[in-house]
C-alpha atoms as a PDB file:
ATOM      1  CA  MET A   1     -27.251  19.458  22.102  1.00  0.00           C
ATOM      2  CA  ARG A   2     -26.431  18.115  25.737  1.00  0.00           C
ATOM      3  CA  VAL A   3     -25.933  20.395  28.252  1.00  0.00           C
ATOM      4  CA  ILE A   4     -25.277  20.590  31.754  1.00  0.00           C
ATOM      5  CA  LEU A   5     -25.500  23.633  34.256  1.00  0.00           C
ATOM      6  CA  ASP A   6     -23.430  23.618  37.308  1.00  0.00           C
ATOM      7  CA  ASN A   7     -25.035  24.552  40.632  1.00  0.00           C
ATOM      8  CA  ASN A   8     -24.255  28.215  40.681  1.00  0.00           C
ATOM      9  CA  VAL A   9     -25.942  28.306  37.627  1.00  0.00           C
ATOM     10  CA  TRP A  10     -29.421  26.826  38.355  1.00  0.00           C
ATOM     11  CA  SER A  11     -29.596  29.135  41.431  1.00  0.00           C
ATOM     12  CA  TYR A  12     -30.158  31.655  39.451  1.00  0.00           C
ATOM     13  CA  VAL A  13     -32.781  30.259  37.632  1.00  0.00           C
ATOM     14  CA  GLY A  14     -34.532  29.228  40.028  1.00  0.00           C
ATOM     15  CA  ILE A  15     -34.461  32.473  42.090  1.00  0.00           C
ATOM     16  CA  GLU A  16     -34.689  34.593  39.300  1.00  0.00           C
ATOM     17  CA  GLY A  17     -37.991  32.288  38.258  1.00  0.00           C
ATOM     18  CA  SER A  18     -36.786  31.857  34.695  1.00  0.00           C
ATOM     19  CA  LYS A  19     -37.904  28.041  34.476  1.00  0.00           C
ATOM     20  CA  ALA A  20     -40.515  28.616  31.830  1.00  0.00           C
ATOM     21  CA  GLU A  21     -37.958  30.649  29.548  1.00  0.00           C
ATOM     22  CA  LEU A  22     -35.074  27.983  29.717  1.00  0.00           C
ATOM     23  CA  GLU A  23     -37.580  25.019  28.990  1.00  0.00           C
ATOM     24  CA  SER A  24     -38.304  27.600  25.778  1.00  0.00           C
ATOM     25  CA  LEU A  25     -34.793  27.960  25.132  1.00  0.00           C
ATOM     26  CA  ALA A  26     -34.537  24.105  24.975  1.00  0.00           C
ATOM     27  CA  ARG A  27     -37.205  23.371  22.652  1.00  0.00           C
ATOM     28  CA  ALA A  28     -36.366  26.340  20.701  1.00  0.00           C
ATOM     29  CA  ARG A  29     -32.441  25.404  20.586  1.00  0.00           C
ATOM     30  CA  GLY A  30     -33.166  21.802  20.705  1.00  0.00           C
ATOM     31  CA  LEU A  31     -31.163  21.551  23.938  1.00  0.00           C
ATOM     32  CA  SER A  32     -31.244  18.247  26.325  1.00  0.00           C
ATOM     33  CA  VAL A  33     -30.588  19.412  29.901  1.00  0.00           C
ATOM     34  CA  ARG A  34     -29.696  16.827  32.198  1.00  0.00           C
ATOM     35  CA  THR A  35     -29.104  16.823  35.825  1.00  0.00           C
ATOM     36  CA  PRO A  36     -26.930  14.994  37.576  1.00  0.00           C
ATOM     37  CA  PRO A  37     -28.087  14.357  41.341  1.00  0.00           C
ATOM     38  CA  ALA A  38     -25.425  15.273  42.452  1.00  0.00           C
ATOM     39  CA  THR A  39     -26.429  18.536  41.827  1.00  0.00           C
ATOM     40  CA  LEU A  40     -29.655  17.613  43.918  1.00  0.00           C
ATOM     41  CA  LEU A  41     -28.103  17.046  46.687  1.00  0.00           C
ATOM     42  CA  GLU A  42     -26.020  20.028  46.724  1.00  0.00           C
ATOM     43  CA  VAL A  43     -29.274  22.091  46.269  1.00  0.00           C
ATOM     44  CA  LEU A  44     -30.868  20.134  49.350  1.00  0.00           C
ATOM     45  CA  ARG A  45     -27.643  21.670  51.414  1.00  0.00           C
ATOM     46  CA  THR A  46     -29.538  25.503  51.465  1.00  0.00           C
ATOM     47  CA  LYS A  47     -30.602  26.511  54.016  1.00  0.00           C
ATOM     48  CA  ASN A  48     -32.799  28.886  53.512  1.00  0.00           C
ATOM     49  CA  PRO A  49     -36.534  26.859  52.433  1.00  0.00           C
ATOM     50  CA  GLU A  50     -37.888  29.366  50.423  1.00  0.00           C
ATOM     51  CA  LYS A  51     -34.661  29.684  48.018  1.00  0.00           C
ATOM     52  CA  ARG A  52     -33.900  25.666  48.290  1.00  0.00           C
ATOM     53  CA  ASP A  53     -37.530  25.145  46.707  1.00  0.00           C
ATOM     54  CA  ARG A  54     -37.387  27.615  43.806  1.00  0.00           C
ATOM     55  CA  ILE A  55     -34.017  26.072  42.562  1.00  0.00           C
ATOM     56  CA  ILE A  56     -35.538  22.385  42.637  1.00  0.00           C
ATOM     57  CA  ASP A  57     -38.555  23.746  41.230  1.00  0.00           C
ATOM     58  CA  ALA A  58     -36.321  24.505  38.374  1.00  0.00           C
ATOM     59  CA  MET A  59     -34.738  21.519  37.956  1.00  0.00           C
ATOM     60  CA  THR A  60     -37.363  19.477  38.419  1.00  0.00           C
ATOM     61  CA  SER A  61     -39.012  19.918  34.726  1.00  0.00           C
ATOM     62  CA  ARG A  62     -40.144  16.968  33.236  1.00  0.00           C
ATOM     63  CA  HIS A  63     -38.266  18.118  30.093  1.00  0.00           C
ATOM     64  CA  TRP A  64     -35.393  17.661  32.051  1.00  0.00           C
ATOM     65  CA  THR A  65     -33.235  14.465  31.674  1.00  0.00           C
ATOM     66  CA  ARG A  66     -32.235  12.885  34.865  1.00  0.00           C
ATOM     67  CA  LEU A  67     -28.965  11.523  35.087  1.00  0.00           C
ATOM     68  CA  ARG A  68     -27.891   8.242  36.879  1.00  0.00           C
ATOM     69  CA  THR A  69     -25.123   8.644  40.500  1.00  0.00           C
ATOM     70  CA  GLU A  70     -21.530   8.727  39.471  1.00  0.00           C
ATOM     71  CA  ALA A  71     -20.889   5.693  41.303  1.00  0.00           C
ATOM     72  CA  ASP A  72     -23.197   3.877  39.251  1.00  0.00           C
ATOM     73  CA  ALA A  73     -21.510   5.190  36.003  1.00  0.00           C
ATOM     74  CA  GLU A  74     -18.038   4.418  37.347  1.00  0.00           C
ATOM     75  CA  CYS A  75     -18.791   1.188  38.494  1.00  0.00           C
ATOM     76  CA  GLU A  76     -20.624   0.226  35.521  1.00  0.00           C
ATOM     77  CA  GLU A  77     -16.698   0.386  33.673  1.00  0.00           C
ATOM     78  CA  PHE A  78     -15.363  -1.222  36.118  1.00  0.00           C
ATOM     79  CA  VAL A  79     -18.220  -4.346  35.478  1.00  0.00           C
ATOM     80  CA  SER A  80     -17.472  -3.844  31.893  1.00  0.00           C
ATOM     81  CA  GLU A  81     -13.482  -3.707  32.018  1.00  0.00           C
ATOM     82  CA  VAL A  82     -13.878  -6.954  34.191  1.00  0.00           C
ATOM     83  CA  ARG A  83     -16.070  -8.510  31.624  1.00  0.00           C
ATOM     84  CA  ARG A  84     -13.492  -8.034  28.966  1.00  0.00           C
ATOM     85  CA  ALA A  85     -10.004  -9.039  30.895  1.00  0.00           C
ATOM     86  CA  ARG A  86     -11.191 -10.551  33.983  1.00  0.00           C
ATOM     87  CA  PRO A  87     -14.388 -13.195  33.254  1.00  0.00           C
ATOM     88  CA  ARG A  88     -13.961 -15.660  35.966  1.00  0.00           C
ATOM     89  CA  TRP A  89     -14.670 -12.732  38.437  1.00  0.00           C
ATOM     90  CA  VAL A  90     -18.215 -12.631  36.726  1.00  0.00           C
ATOM     91  CA  ARG A  91     -21.070 -14.235  37.982  1.00  0.00           C
ATOM     92  CA  GLN A  92     -22.663 -16.137  35.390  1.00  0.00           C
ATOM     93  CA  LEU A  93     -26.121 -15.572  36.567  1.00  0.00           C
ATOM     94  CA  SER A  94     -26.455 -11.592  37.648  1.00  0.00           C
ATOM     95  CA  GLN A  95     -28.688 -10.190  40.147  1.00  0.00           C
ATOM     96  CA  PRO A  96     -29.523  -6.755  38.949  1.00  0.00           C
ATOM     97  CA  GLY A  97     -32.185  -6.352  41.465  1.00  0.00           C
ATOM     98  CA  ARG A  98     -30.590  -4.076  43.420  1.00  0.00           C
ATOM     99  CA  PRO A  99     -29.190  -1.688  40.885  1.00  0.00           C
ATOM    100  CA  ALA A 100     -32.444  -1.197  39.323  1.00  0.00           C
ATOM    101  CA  THR A 101     -33.790  -0.610  43.063  1.00  0.00           C
ATOM    102  CA  LEU A 102     -31.276   1.799  43.466  1.00  0.00           C
ATOM    103  CA  ARG A 103     -31.018   3.576  39.820  1.00  0.00           C
ATOM    104  CA  ASN A 104     -34.952   3.962  40.125  1.00  0.00           C
ATOM    105  CA  PHE A 105     -34.296   6.236  43.424  1.00  0.00           C
ATOM    106  CA  TRP A 106     -31.455   8.146  41.984  1.00  0.00           C
ATOM    107  CA  THR A 107     -33.326   8.848  38.919  1.00  0.00           C
ATOM    108  CA  ARG A 108     -36.886   9.170  40.161  1.00  0.00           C
ATOM    109  CA  ASP A 109     -37.981   9.019  43.781  1.00  0.00           C
ATOM    110  CA  ILE A 110     -35.611  11.357  44.975  1.00  0.00           C
ATOM    111  CA  TRP A 111     -36.480  14.266  42.327  1.00  0.00           C
ATOM    112  CA  ARG A 112     -40.235  13.488  43.067  1.00  0.00           C
ATOM    113  CA  HIS A 113     -40.111  13.207  46.948  1.00  0.00           C
ATOM    114  CA  ALA A 114     -37.626  16.677  46.503  1.00  0.00           C
ATOM    115  CA  ALA A 115     -40.399  18.406  44.759  1.00  0.00           C
ATOM    116  CA  HIS A 116     -42.995  17.763  47.247  1.00  0.00           C
ATOM    117  CA  ASP A 117     -41.058  18.011  50.652  1.00  0.00           C
ATOM    118  CA  SER A 118     -37.642  19.339  50.479  1.00  0.00           C
ATOM    119  CA  ALA A 119     -37.390  20.152  53.868  1.00  0.00           C
ATOM    120  CA  THR A 120     -37.566  16.414  55.474  1.00  0.00           C
ATOM    121  CA  LEU A 121     -34.691  15.648  52.940  1.00  0.00           C
ATOM    122  CA  SER A 122     -32.732  18.600  53.326  1.00  0.00           C
ATOM    123  CA  ALA A 123     -32.909  17.604  57.543  1.00  0.00           C
ATOM    124  CA  ALA A 124     -31.414  14.436  56.727  1.00  0.00           C
ATOM    125  CA  GLN A 125     -28.728  15.136  54.060  1.00  0.00           C
ATOM    126  CA  PRO A 126     -25.883  16.214  57.048  1.00  0.00           C
ATOM    127  CA  SER A 127     -26.472  13.102  58.640  1.00  0.00           C
ATOM    128  CA  PHE A 128     -25.080  11.445  55.849  1.00  0.00           C
ATOM    129  CA  THR A 129     -22.916  13.746  53.706  1.00  0.00           C
ATOM    130  CA  ASP A 130     -20.800  16.103  56.694  1.00  0.00           C
ATOM    131  CA  GLU A 131     -18.573  13.297  57.466  1.00  0.00           C
ATOM    132  CA  VAL A 132     -17.923  12.012  53.780  1.00  0.00           C
ATOM    133  CA  GLU A 133     -17.657  15.727  52.843  1.00  0.00           C
ATOM    134  CA  ASP A 134     -15.106  16.947  55.546  1.00  0.00           C
ATOM    135  CA  HIS A 135     -12.827  13.887  54.883  1.00  0.00           C
ATOM    136  CA  VAL A 136     -12.692  14.313  51.179  1.00  0.00           C
ATOM    137  CA  PHE A 137     -11.977  17.893  51.851  1.00  0.00           C
ATOM    138  CA  GLY A 138      -9.241  17.300  54.455  1.00  0.00           C
ATOM    139  CA  VAL A 139      -7.743  14.857  51.883  1.00  0.00           C
ATOM    140  CA  MET A 140      -7.691  17.288  49.261  1.00  0.00           C
ATOM    141  CA  LYS A 141      -6.994  20.249  51.268  1.00  0.00           C
ATOM    142  CA  GLN A 142      -3.737  18.428  52.913  1.00  0.00           C
ATOM    143  CA  ASN A 143      -2.758  16.587  49.233  1.00  0.00           C
ATOM    144  CA  SER A 144      -2.731  20.671  47.590  1.00  0.00           C
ATOM    145  CA  LEU A 145      -0.814  21.828  50.707  1.00  0.00           C
ATOM    146  CA  ALA A 146       2.011  19.252  49.930  1.00  0.00           C
ATOM    147  CA  MET A 147       1.860  20.029  46.023  1.00  0.00           C
ATOM    148  CA  ARG A 148       2.525  23.749  47.209  1.00  0.00           C
ATOM    149  CA  GLU A 149       4.776  23.331  49.817  1.00  0.00           C
ATOM    150  CA  SER A 150       7.231  20.985  47.553  1.00  0.00           C
ATOM    151  CA  ALA A 151       6.725  23.472  44.425  1.00  0.00           C
ATOM    152  CA  TRP A 152       5.317  20.061  42.787  1.00  0.00           C
ATOM    153  CA  GLN A 153       3.749  20.480  39.209  1.00  0.00           C
ATOM    154  CA  ALA A 154       2.079  17.820  38.023  1.00  0.00           C
ATOM    155  CA  GLY A 155       2.192  18.457  34.325  1.00  0.00           C
ATOM    156  CA  ASN A 156       0.130  16.532  31.931  1.00  0.00           C
ATOM    157  CA  LEU A 157      -2.362  14.391  33.551  1.00  0.00           C
ATOM    158  CA  ALA A 158      -2.299  11.819  30.924  1.00  0.00           C
ATOM    159  CA  GLU A 159       1.236  10.960  31.583  1.00  0.00           C
ATOM    160  CA  LEU A 160       1.245  11.851  35.622  1.00  0.00           C
ATOM    161  CA  THR A 161       2.671   8.242  36.734  1.00  0.00           C
ATOM    162  CA  TYR A 162       3.239   7.242  40.899  1.00  0.00           C
ATOM    163  CA  LEU A 163       6.211   6.292  42.443  1.00  0.00           C
ATOM    164  CA  ALA A 164       5.957   3.061  44.223  1.00  0.00           C
ATOM    165  CA  PRO A 165       6.793   4.050  47.944  1.00  0.00           C
ATOM    166  CA  GLU A 166       9.666   2.078  49.949  1.00  0.00           C
ATOM    167  CA  ASP A 167       7.666   2.914  53.474  1.00  0.00           C
ATOM    168  CA  VAL A 168       4.674   0.929  52.826  1.00  0.00           C
ATOM    169  CA  PRO A 169       3.913  -2.833  53.790  1.00  0.00           C
ATOM    170  CA  ASP A 170       3.837  -5.163  51.106  1.00  0.00           C
ATOM    171  CA  SER A 171       0.182  -5.481  51.782  1.00  0.00           C
ATOM    172  CA  TYR A 172      -0.512  -2.318  50.327  1.00  0.00           C
ATOM    173  CA  LEU A 173       1.698  -2.569  47.442  1.00  0.00           C
ATOM    174  CA  ALA A 174      -0.060  -5.967  46.665  1.00  0.00           C
ATOM    175  CA  GLY A 175       2.185  -6.788  43.400  1.00  0.00           C
ATOM    176  CA  TRP A 176       2.975  -3.483  42.637  1.00  0.00           C
ATOM    177  CA  GLN A 177       7.288  -3.640  42.729  1.00  0.00           C
ATOM    178  CA  ARG A 178       8.646  -1.183  44.521  1.00  0.00           C
ATOM    179  CA  GLY A 179      10.675   1.302  42.738  1.00  0.00           C
ATOM    180  CA  THR A 180       8.406   1.330  39.747  1.00  0.00           C
ATOM    181  CA  ARG A 181       5.880   3.945  38.231  1.00  0.00           C
ATOM    182  CA  ALA A 182       2.247   3.431  37.635  1.00  0.00           C
ATOM    183  CA  GLU A 183      -0.501   5.884  35.800  1.00  0.00           C
ATOM    184  CA  GLY A 184      -1.735   7.731  38.836  1.00  0.00           C
ATOM    185  CA  TRP A 185      -5.742   6.917  37.642  1.00  0.00           C
ATOM    186  CA  ARG A 186      -4.528   3.586  37.648  1.00  0.00           C
ATOM    187  CA  VAL A 187      -3.196   3.607  41.311  1.00  0.00           C
ATOM    188  CA  ASP A 188      -6.199   5.540  42.485  1.00  0.00           C
ATOM    189  CA  GLY A 189      -8.801   3.324  40.805  1.00  0.00           C
ATOM    190  CA  ARG A 190      -7.460   0.234  42.224  1.00  0.00           C
ATOM    191  CA  ASP A 191      -7.007   1.681  45.560  1.00  0.00           C
ATOM    192  CA  VAL A 192     -10.844   2.932  45.487  1.00  0.00           C
ATOM    193  CA  PHE A 193     -12.048  -0.040  44.393  1.00  0.00           C
ATOM    194  CA  ARG A 194     -10.192  -2.534  46.362  1.00  0.00           C
ATOM    195  CA  HIS A 195     -11.100  -0.345  49.746  1.00  0.00           C
ATOM    196  CA  ALA A 196     -14.727  -0.258  48.445  1.00  0.00           C
ATOM    197  CA  LEU A 197     -15.393  -3.937  47.943  1.00  0.00           C
ATOM    198  CA  ASP A 198     -13.438  -5.408  50.892  1.00  0.00           C
ATOM    199  CA  GLY A 199     -15.900  -6.340  53.623  1.00  0.00           C
ATOM    200  CA  HIS A 200     -18.566  -5.024  51.540  1.00  0.00           C
ATOM    201  CA  GLU A 201     -21.041  -7.794  53.613  1.00  0.00           C
ATOM    202  CA  LEU A 202     -19.555  -6.057  56.857  1.00  0.00           C
ATOM    203  CA  LYS A 203     -19.993  -2.681  55.634  1.00  0.00           C
ATOM    204  CA  THR A 204     -23.711  -3.394  54.676  1.00  0.00           C
ATOM    205  CA  TRP A 205     -24.227  -4.947  58.020  1.00  0.00           C
ATOM    206  CA  ALA A 206     -22.623  -2.139  60.466  1.00  0.00           C
ATOM    207  CA  GLY A 207     -24.353   0.492  58.183  1.00  0.00           C
ATOM    208  CA  GLN A 208     -21.323   1.959  56.952  1.00  0.00           C
ATOM    209  CA  ASP A 209     -20.614   3.420  52.943  1.00  0.00           C
ATOM    210  CA  SER A 210     -21.004   0.148  50.567  1.00  0.00           C
ATOM    211  CA  THR A 211     -22.240   2.419  47.812  1.00  0.00           C
ATOM    212  CA  TYR A 212     -20.079   0.768  45.128  1.00  0.00           C
ATOM    213  CA  GLY A 213     -19.947  -2.938  46.401  1.00  0.00           C
ATOM    214  CA  ASP A 214     -23.700  -2.324  45.876  1.00  0.00           C
ATOM    215  CA  TRP A 215     -23.538  -1.408  42.249  1.00  0.00           C
ATOM    216  CA  VAL A 216     -20.700  -4.347  41.623  1.00  0.00           C
ATOM    217  CA  ALA A 217     -21.340  -7.084  43.819  1.00  0.00           C
ATOM    218  CA  PRO A 218     -24.243  -8.008  41.539  1.00  0.00           C
ATOM    219  CA  TYR A 219     -22.374  -8.689  38.836  1.00  0.00           C
ATOM    220  CA  LEU A 220     -19.628 -10.041  39.860  1.00  0.00           C
ATOM    221  CA  HIS A 221     -18.052 -12.632  42.898  1.00  0.00           C
ATOM    222  CA  LEU A 222     -16.320 -10.198  45.150  1.00  0.00           C
ATOM    223  CA  ASP A 223     -14.339 -12.863  47.026  1.00  0.00           C
ATOM    224  CA  ARG A 224     -13.039 -13.862  43.696  1.00  0.00           C
ATOM    225  CA  ALA A 225     -11.902 -10.122  42.526  1.00  0.00           C
ATOM    226  CA  LEU A 226     -10.234 -10.145  45.881  1.00  0.00           C
ATOM    227  CA  LYS A 227      -8.880 -13.197  46.982  1.00  0.00           C
ATOM    228  CA  ASP A 228      -5.558 -12.842  44.752  1.00  0.00           C
ATOM    229  CA  PRO A 229      -4.612  -8.684  45.669  1.00  0.00           C
ATOM    230  CA  GLU A 230      -1.257  -9.457  43.352  1.00  0.00           C
ATOM    231  CA  ASP A 231      -3.978 -10.374  40.620  1.00  0.00           C
ATOM    232  CA  PHE A 232      -6.508  -7.216  41.409  1.00  0.00           C
ATOM    233  CA  THR A 233      -3.306  -4.614  41.375  1.00  0.00           C
ATOM    234  CA  ARG A 234      -2.719  -6.626  38.299  1.00  0.00           C
ATOM    235  CA  PHE A 235      -5.714  -5.731  36.702  1.00  0.00           C
ATOM    236  CA  TRP A 236      -5.384  -1.990  37.462  1.00  0.00           C
ATOM    237  CA  LEU A 237      -1.832  -1.156  36.704  1.00  0.00           C
ATOM    238  CA  THR A 238      -1.942  -3.017  33.265  1.00  0.00           C
ATOM    239  CA  GLU A 239      -4.668  -4.239  31.937  1.00  0.00           C
ATOM    240  CA  ALA A 240      -7.612  -1.582  32.376  1.00  0.00           C
ATOM    241  CA  GLU A 241      -7.874   1.227  29.793  1.00  0.00           C
ATOM    242  CA  ALA A 242      -8.414   4.410  30.059  1.00  0.00           C
ATOM    243  CA  ALA A 243     -10.380   5.124  27.126  1.00  0.00           C
ATOM    244  CA  ARG A 244     -12.668   2.326  28.580  1.00  0.00           C
ATOM    245  CA  MET A 245     -13.242   3.765  31.584  1.00  0.00           C
ATOM    246  CA  PRO A 246     -13.328   7.764  31.041  1.00  0.00           C
ATOM    247  CA  ARG A 247     -15.226   8.538  34.354  1.00  0.00           C
ATOM    248  CA  ASN A 248     -12.767   6.576  36.729  1.00  0.00           C
ATOM    249  CA  TRP A 249      -9.895   8.479  35.110  1.00  0.00           C
ATOM    250  CA  LEU A 250     -11.865  11.816  35.544  1.00  0.00           C
ATOM    251  CA  ARG A 251     -12.607  11.132  39.476  1.00  0.00           C
ATOM    252  CA  TRP A 252      -8.875  10.731  39.805  1.00  0.00           C
ATOM    253  CA  ALA A 253      -7.873  13.856  37.345  1.00  0.00           C
ATOM    254  CA  CYS A 254     -10.007  16.321  38.359  1.00  0.00           C
ATOM    255  CA  GLY A 255      -8.766  15.595  42.033  1.00  0.00           C
ATOM    256  CA  VAL A 256      -5.510  16.401  41.126  1.00  0.00           C
ATOM    257  CA  ALA A 257      -6.346  19.168  38.334  1.00  0.00           C
ATOM    258  CA  LEU A 258      -8.332  20.412  41.665  1.00  0.00           C
ATOM    259  CA  TRP A 259      -4.979  20.876  43.947  1.00  0.00           C
ATOM    260  CA  GLU A 260      -3.719  23.212  41.807  1.00  0.00           C
ATOM    261  CA  HIS A 261      -6.379  25.859  43.355  1.00  0.00           C
ATOM    262  CA  LYS A 262      -7.751  26.759  46.739  1.00  0.00           C
ATOM    263  CA  ILE A 263      -9.835  24.067  48.547  1.00  0.00           C
ATOM    264  CA  THR A 264     -12.856  25.126  49.672  1.00  0.00           C
ATOM    265  CA  LYS A 265     -15.667  22.798  51.290  1.00  0.00           C
ATOM    266  CA  SER A 266     -17.368  22.920  47.841  1.00  0.00           C
ATOM    267  CA  SER A 267     -13.846  21.539  45.674  1.00  0.00           C
ATOM    268  CA  GLY A 268     -15.775  17.913  47.099  1.00  0.00           C
ATOM    269  CA  ARG A 269     -18.737  18.399  45.554  1.00  0.00           C
ATOM    270  CA  ASP A 270     -16.939  19.974  42.070  1.00  0.00           C
ATOM    271  CA  HIS A 271     -14.664  16.844  42.042  1.00  0.00           C
ATOM    272  CA  GLN A 272     -18.013  14.940  41.873  1.00  0.00           C
ATOM    273  CA  LEU A 273     -19.876  16.962  39.526  1.00  0.00           C
ATOM    274  CA  ALA A 274     -16.810  16.290  37.039  1.00  0.00           C
ATOM    275  CA  SER A 275     -17.592  12.579  36.600  1.00  0.00           C
ATOM    276  CA  TYR A 276     -20.791  13.903  34.505  1.00  0.00           C
ATOM    277  CA  LEU A 277     -18.583  15.529  31.433  1.00  0.00           C
ATOM    278  CA  PRO A 278     -19.240  12.300  29.396  1.00  0.00           C
ATOM    279  CA  ASP A 279     -22.816  12.821  29.853  1.00  0.00           C
ATOM    280  CA  CYS A 280     -23.010  16.067  27.832  1.00  0.00           C
ATOM    281  CA  ASP A 281     -21.892  18.131  24.992  1.00  0.00           C
ATOM    282  CA  LEU A 282     -21.573  21.566  26.705  1.00  0.00           C
ATOM    283  CA  PHE A 283     -20.826  22.233  30.515  1.00  0.00           C
ATOM    284  CA  LEU A 284     -21.639  25.818  32.173  1.00  0.00           C
ATOM    285  CA  SER A 285     -20.363  27.152  35.186  1.00  0.00           C
ATOM    286  CA  GLU A 286     -19.701  30.761  36.817  1.00  0.00           C
ATOM    287  CA  ASP A 287     -17.194  29.066  39.147  1.00  0.00           C
ATOM    288  CA  ARG A 288     -14.069  30.384  37.231  1.00  0.00           C
ATOM    289  CA  ARG A 289     -11.601  28.046  39.305  1.00  0.00           C
ATOM    290  CA  PHE A 290     -13.500  24.996  38.625  1.00  0.00           C
ATOM    291  CA  VAL A 291     -13.728  25.491  34.917  1.00  0.00           C
ATOM    292  CA  ARG A 292     -10.108  26.270  34.900  1.00  0.00           C
ATOM    293  CA  ALA A 293      -9.544  23.062  36.646  1.00  0.00           C
ATOM    294  CA  LEU A 294     -11.578  21.234  33.926  1.00  0.00           C
ATOM    295  CA  GLU A 295      -9.944  23.010  30.664  1.00  0.00           C
ATOM    296  CA  ARG A 296      -6.712  21.773  32.006  1.00  0.00           C
ATOM    297  CA  VAL A 297      -8.525  18.231  32.694  1.00  0.00           C
ATOM    298  CA  LYS A 298     -10.071  18.343  29.246  1.00  0.00           C
ATOM    299  CA  ALA A 299      -6.573  19.312  27.777  1.00  0.00           C
ATOM    300  CA  ASP A 300      -4.594  16.337  28.595  1.00  0.00           C
ATOM    301  CA  ALA A 301      -7.543  13.907  28.763  1.00  0.00           C
ATOM    302  CA  PRO A 302      -7.157  10.386  26.830  1.00  0.00           C
ATOM    303  CA  PHE A 303     -10.769  11.220  25.358  1.00  0.00           C
ATOM    304  CA  PRO A 304     -12.965  13.575  23.845  1.00  0.00           C
ATOM    305  CA  LEU A 305     -14.569  15.734  26.765  1.00  0.00           C
ATOM    306  CA  PRO A 306     -17.556  18.142  25.975  1.00  0.00           C
ATOM    307  CA  GLU A 307     -17.118  22.429  25.632  1.00  0.00           C
ATOM    308  CA  ILE A 308     -16.338  23.618  29.221  1.00  0.00           C
ATOM    309  CA  ARG A 309     -17.647  27.212  29.178  1.00  0.00           C
ATOM    310  CA  TRP A 310     -17.540  30.371  32.199  1.00  0.00           C
ATOM    311  CA  VAL A 311     -20.669  32.163  32.213  1.00  0.00           C
ATOM    312  CA  GLU A 312     -21.028  35.470  34.431  1.00  0.00           C
ATOM    313  CA  ILE A 313     -24.586  35.769  35.210  1.00  0.00           C
ATOM    314  CA  GLU A 314     -23.999  38.261  38.432  1.00  0.00           C
ATOM    315  CA  ALA A 315     -21.503  40.902  36.770  1.00  0.00           C
ATOM    316  CA  SER A 316     -23.685  40.597  33.503  1.00  0.00           C
ATOM    317  CA  GLY A 317     -26.583  42.127  35.392  1.00  0.00           C
ATOM    318  CA  GLY A 318     -28.909  40.191  33.228  1.00  0.00           C
ATOM    319  CA  ARG A 319     -30.875  37.004  33.326  1.00  0.00           C
ATOM    320  CA  ALA A 320     -29.554  33.914  33.554  1.00  0.00           C
ATOM    321  CA  VAL A 321     -31.406  32.249  30.916  1.00  0.00           C
ATOM    322  CA  ASP A 322     -29.857  35.056  28.293  1.00  0.00           C
ATOM    323  CA  VAL A 323     -26.657  34.398  29.636  1.00  0.00           C
ATOM    324  CA  VAL A 324     -27.131  30.701  29.106  1.00  0.00           C
ATOM    325  CA  ALA A 325     -28.637  31.881  25.433  1.00  0.00           C
ATOM    326  CA  ALA A 326     -25.098  33.813  24.789  1.00  0.00           C
ATOM    327  CA  ALA A 327     -23.062  30.718  25.825  1.00  0.00           C
ATOM    328  CA  LEU A 328     -24.796  28.208  23.196  1.00  0.00           C
ATOM    329  CA  ASP A 329     -23.233  29.824  20.494  1.00  0.00           C
END
């Protein structure tokens, strides 16, 4: 069984020093404990160095499986769909060297660095995460407030559509006809990738966020993909398939589900972690709000998702590993 633990669970394991017990449980129950890099980045924000190092030690066992980043996986889905539906955008000769270097960093190097010198990574962390996190927090809070003020109910996420607005320029619509509707995840995917890929080289030179482009450019001709905005819109709004792009659907759906709850600074990190659900059979968290949001997403998802269970460690008075073991049954 593949298992992902939320950061709150890892905190208990690290602080109480039950890493060896968790390893024993994994061996006895045949568990593949999987660690997303997003969880490590969140732990690196811990100010108390002793607490931080104890949690990182628990997460860096050689028995755990280190996952790729969510951006890597989302871009892989996009490239795969492009190969199927827009082969003319695809490079005849790919350039996988850059993605391989990035993947090695996120699945190996950063974990080793964190295990040996978390202080340096922790000190650098705010400089490249605070601005992004503040932006995500602001957008999510604004959307949540708008939803509450208008008493809008999302309904079934798989059936949720957006109406092409009348008060936006044609350059934004780019072929999306005014007065027509499109599935929410499609509009979100188009907007995310169009913004991320546009001017990728300029963003790289200027030191701006070029994450998505770094993963996509070695496989696709970005100039061809973006040359015809209406064709790019057509790909996303009518041809991409949700079942073939589950992480992209999850990125959007979890965001909407979280709007229905109180938005905090950690909501953006929860949103990020949701993209890893296809990598496990069981997800455990002590955050009841997050679990409720994920359960809502699972109920509406157009593809299978893992078991999502809420665990209560502090109130139980027991050790984290015992609570995890009980949640497996």
